[in-house]
Structure formats: structure tokens, C-alpha cells
Amino acid sequence: MKRFSIIAAGGLLLALAACGSNPTERAATGGIGGAVIAGPAGAVVGGTVGAATAD
């Protein structure tokens, strides 16, 4: 069950990181999503993934 939760949280993080029309907005939404899911470390990962999902 814990493994499923981690996978689901990771999927949610990636989906939220793709929100926004430019890399700055994607980094911001990814950081917020990551912070909600995994705290400060998640914010860093979410912001990085959001910035990396440029068009």
C-alpha cells in the first residue's frame, strides 16, 4: 500500500508540474504541488520537474 501511495504521489507531482503556459509558471505549480506532497524536498523536485517540462 505504501508503494502505491508513493507512485500515486509521484504521478500527481508530474501532472501538476506540467500546469502553466511558460517554464516559470510550471516551476511554481510544480513547487507548490511538491511541497504539499513531500514537504521542502518535494518542492525542490517539483520546481525542477516543472521547469524542465518546457515546450
Protein backbone atom coordinates (compact mmCIF):
# COMPACT_ATOMS: atom_id res chain seq x y z
CA MET A 1 0.00 0.00 0.00
CA LYS A 2 2.85 2.38 0.78
CA ARG A 3 4.40 1.71 -2.62
CA PHE A 4 1.12 2.60 -4.35
CA SER A 5 0.92 5.85 -2.40
CA ILE A 6 4.44 6.84 -3.45
CA ILE A 7 3.72 6.06 -7.10
CA ALA A 8 0.43 7.96 -7.00
CA ALA A 9 2.07 10.97 -5.35
CA GLY A 10 4.83 10.96 -7.98
CA GLY A 11 2.27 10.86 -10.78
CA LEU A 12 0.34 13.71 -9.24
CA LEU A 13 3.52 15.71 -8.87
CA LEU A 14 4.40 15.26 -12.55
CA ALA A 15 0.87 16.12 -13.66
CA LEU A 16 0.83 19.29 -11.57
CA ALA A 17 4.30 20.28 -12.73
CA ALA A 18 3.03 20.45 -16.29
CA CYS A 19 0.44 23.14 -15.45
CA GLY A 20 1.17 26.61 -16.77
CA SER A 21 1.90 28.30 -20.06
CA ASN A 22 5.60 29.04 -19.52
CA PRO A 23 8.51 27.48 -17.60
CA THR A 24 8.18 29.92 -14.70
CA GLU A 25 4.54 29.04 -14.08
CA ARG A 26 5.31 25.33 -14.42
CA ALA A 27 8.12 25.61 -11.88
CA ALA A 28 5.82 27.47 -9.48
CA THR A 29 2.96 24.99 -9.71
CA GLY A 30 5.38 22.07 -9.51
CA GLY A 31 6.98 23.56 -6.40
CA ILE A 32 3.63 24.07 -4.70
CA GLY A 33 2.49 20.55 -5.56
CA GLY A 34 5.73 19.07 -4.36
CA ALA A 35 5.53 20.98 -1.09
CA VAL A 36 2.02 19.69 -0.46
CA ILE A 37 3.01 16.09 -1.18
CA ALA A 38 6.50 15.79 0.27
CA GLY A 39 7.44 18.99 2.08
CA PRO A 40 10.56 21.03 1.29
CA ALA A 41 12.32 18.26 -0.63
CA GLY A 42 9.21 17.77 -2.75
CA ALA A 43 9.09 21.49 -3.50
CA VAL A 44 12.61 21.36 -4.91
CA VAL A 45 11.85 18.29 -7.02
CA GLY A 46 8.52 19.69 -8.21
CA GLY A 47 10.03 23.01 -9.16
CA THR A 48 12.83 21.28 -11.06
CA VAL A 49 10.46 18.99 -12.92
CA GLY A 50 8.16 21.91 -13.71
CA ALA A 51 10.99 23.99 -15.12
CA ALA A 52 12.27 21.04 -17.15
CA THR A 53 8.93 20.48 -18.91
CA ALA A 54 9.40 23.36 -21.35
CA ASP A 55 7.67 23.28 -24.71
